[in-house]
C-alpha atoms as a PDB file:
ATOM      1  CA  MET A   1     -12.224  23.722 -28.260  1.00  0.00           C
ATOM      2  CA  ARG A   2      -8.623  22.749 -28.983  1.00  0.00           C
ATOM      3  CA  LYS A   3      -9.323  19.168 -27.900  1.00  0.00           C
ATOM      4  CA  LEU A   4     -12.201  18.886 -30.369  1.00  0.00           C
ATOM      5  CA  GLN A   5     -10.033  20.318 -33.127  1.00  0.00           C
ATOM      6  CA  ILE A   6      -7.264  17.787 -32.469  1.00  0.00           C
ATOM      7  CA  THR A   7      -9.828  14.969 -32.432  1.00  0.00           C
ATOM      8  CA  ASN A   8     -11.152  16.060 -35.821  1.00  0.00           C
ATOM      9  CA  GLU A   9      -7.643  16.358 -37.286  1.00  0.00           C
ATOM     10  CA  VAL A  10      -6.703  12.875 -36.139  1.00  0.00           C
ATOM     11  CA  THR A  11      -9.972  11.485 -37.526  1.00  0.00           C
ATOM     12  CA  LEU A  12      -9.219  13.071 -40.902  1.00  0.00           C
ATOM     13  CA  LEU A  13      -5.865  11.300 -40.925  1.00  0.00           C
ATOM     14  CA  GLY A  14      -7.672   7.955 -40.679  1.00  0.00           C
ATOM     15  CA  PHE A  15      -7.134   7.258 -36.993  1.00  0.00           C
ATOM     16  CA  ARG A  16      -9.759   6.915 -34.285  1.00  0.00           C
ATOM     17  CA  GLY A  17     -10.013  10.427 -32.924  1.00  0.00           C
ATOM     18  CA  GLY A  18     -12.567   9.432 -30.311  1.00  0.00           C
ATOM     19  CA  VAL A  19      -9.841   7.706 -28.329  1.00  0.00           C
ATOM     20  CA  LEU A  20      -8.424  11.111 -27.459  1.00  0.00           C
ATOM     21  CA  ASP A  21     -11.521  11.796 -25.380  1.00  0.00           C
ATOM     22  CA  LEU A  22     -10.279   9.377 -22.728  1.00  0.00           C
ATOM     23  CA  GLU A  23      -8.944  10.878 -19.541  1.00  0.00           C
ATOM     24  CA  VAL A  24      -6.306   9.038 -17.590  1.00  0.00           C
ATOM     25  CA  GLU A  25      -7.019   8.577 -13.916  1.00  0.00           C
ATOM     26  CA  ILE A  26      -4.351  10.100 -11.712  1.00  0.00           C
ATOM     27  CA  ALA A  27      -3.140   7.824  -8.942  1.00  0.00           C
ATOM     28  CA  GLN A  28      -3.499   9.109  -5.405  1.00  0.00           C
ATOM     29  CA  PRO A  29      -0.582   8.702  -3.026  1.00  0.00           C
ATOM     30  CA  PRO A  30      -1.185   6.088  -0.334  1.00  0.00           C
ATOM     31  CA  LYS A  31      -2.228   7.288   3.090  1.00  0.00           C
ATOM     32  CA  ALA A  32       0.727   7.414   5.422  1.00  0.00           C
ATOM     33  CA  ILE A  33       0.444   5.711   8.806  1.00  0.00           C
ATOM     34  CA  GLU A  34       1.388   8.363  11.318  1.00  0.00           C
ATOM     35  CA  GLU A  35       0.680   6.755  14.688  1.00  0.00           C
ATOM     36  CA  GLU A  36       3.211   4.218  15.831  1.00  0.00           C
ATOM     37  CA  SER A  37       0.613   1.909  17.372  1.00  0.00           C
ATOM     38  CA  GLU A  38      -1.217   1.661  14.029  1.00  0.00           C
ATOM     39  CA  LEU A  39       2.097   1.048  12.298  1.00  0.00           C
ATOM     40  CA  VAL A  40       2.969  -1.763  14.718  1.00  0.00           C
ATOM     41  CA  ASP A  41      -0.445  -3.382  14.146  1.00  0.00           C
ATOM     42  CA  GLU A  42      -0.073  -3.118  10.368  1.00  0.00           C
ATOM     43  CA  ILE A  43       3.427  -4.622  10.521  1.00  0.00           C
ATOM     44  CA  LEU A  44       2.048  -7.511  12.592  1.00  0.00           C
ATOM     45  CA  GLN A  45      -0.839  -8.160  10.224  1.00  0.00           C
ATOM     46  CA  THR A  46       1.404  -8.308   7.167  1.00  0.00           C
ATOM     47  CA  ASN A  47       4.368  -9.911   8.965  1.00  0.00           C
ATOM     48  CA  GLY A  48       6.348  -6.966   7.624  1.00  0.00           C
ATOM     49  CA  MET A  49       9.193  -7.284  10.087  1.00  0.00           C
ATOM     50  CA  THR A  50      10.730 -10.086   8.047  1.00  0.00           C
ATOM     51  CA  SER A  51      10.767  -8.430   4.652  1.00  0.00           C
ATOM     52  CA  THR A  52      11.267  -4.955   3.227  1.00  0.00           C
ATOM     53  CA  GLY A  53       8.943  -5.853   0.345  1.00  0.00           C
ATOM     54  CA  ARG A  54       6.066  -6.315   2.752  1.00  0.00           C
ATOM     55  CA  LEU A  55       6.782  -2.946   4.337  1.00  0.00           C
ATOM     56  CA  PHE A  56       6.708  -1.408   0.873  1.00  0.00           C
ATOM     57  CA  LYS A  57       3.296  -2.969   0.190  1.00  0.00           C
ATOM     58  CA  ILE A  58       1.827  -1.253   3.242  1.00  0.00           C
ATOM     59  CA  SER A  59       3.375   2.006   2.007  1.00  0.00           C
ATOM     60  CA  VAL A  60       6.051   2.267   4.649  1.00  0.00           C
ATOM     61  CA  LEU A  61       9.204   3.417   2.936  1.00  0.00           C
ATOM     62  CA  ILE A  62      11.044   4.528   6.051  1.00  0.00           C
ATOM     63  CA  VAL A  63      10.222   2.712   9.248  1.00  0.00           C
ATOM     64  CA  ASN A  64      11.424   3.382  12.740  1.00  0.00           C
ATOM     65  CA  ALA A  65      13.468   0.492  14.098  1.00  0.00           C
ATOM     66  CA  ALA A  66      11.603   0.795  17.394  1.00  0.00           C
ATOM     67  CA  ALA A  67       8.299   0.098  15.623  1.00  0.00           C
ATOM     68  CA  VAL A  68       9.679  -3.080  14.039  1.00  0.00           C
ATOM     69  CA  THR A  69      11.166  -4.154  17.372  1.00  0.00           C
ATOM     70  CA  ARG A  70       7.846  -3.551  19.159  1.00  0.00           C
ATOM     71  CA  ALA A  71       6.059  -5.531  16.474  1.00  0.00           C
ATOM     72  CA  GLY A  72       8.495  -8.403  16.957  1.00  0.00           C
ATOM     73  CA  LYS A  73       8.038  -8.363  20.729  1.00  0.00           C
ATOM     74  CA  LYS A  74       4.277  -8.235  20.352  1.00  0.00           C
ATOM     75  CA  ARG A  75       4.440 -11.209  17.945  1.00  0.00           C
ATOM     76  CA  ILE A  76       6.423 -13.183  20.542  1.00  0.00           C
ATOM     77  CA  GLN A  77       3.857 -12.330  23.241  1.00  0.00           C
ATOM     78  CA  LEU A  78       0.979 -13.390  21.005  1.00  0.00           C
ATOM     79  CA  ASN A  79       2.734 -16.669  20.188  1.00  0.00           C
ATOM     80  CA  GLU A  80       3.357 -17.337  23.896  1.00  0.00           C
ATOM     81  CA  GLN A  81      -0.302 -16.650  24.688  1.00  0.00           C
ATOM     82  CA  LYS A  82      -1.438 -19.053  21.961  1.00  0.00           C
ATOM     83  CA  LYS A  83       1.008 -21.660  23.224  1.00  0.00           C
ATOM     84  CA  ALA A  84      -0.297 -21.275  26.812  1.00  0.00           C
ATOM     85  CA  GLU A  85      -3.893 -21.613  25.610  1.00  0.00           C
ATOM     86  CA  MET A  86      -2.987 -24.755  23.679  1.00  0.00           C
ATOM     87  CA  GLU A  87      -1.334 -26.260  26.780  1.00  0.00           C
ATOM     88  CA  LYS A  88      -4.438 -25.562  28.875  1.00  0.00           C
ATOM     89  CA  LYS A  89      -6.574 -27.603  26.489  1.00  0.00           C
END
């Protein structure tokens, strides 16, 4: 009832009172990555080990150094596998 009353009062003042009917969407917090294996995979996909900005984009504000180190080692292994496959061809 109060909302309707405010809308009418604003309309009487010459403004668009209908705008007050809008409801602002509340942002939901991002889902935290709890498992370290998922975190390592996400860091690899975004190449997050080279930049704190990339970690922020995947919603990792505090990251375990071991997870970043594992991601780096996994990246090296993947690069070596690709290199070996290229040499076979």
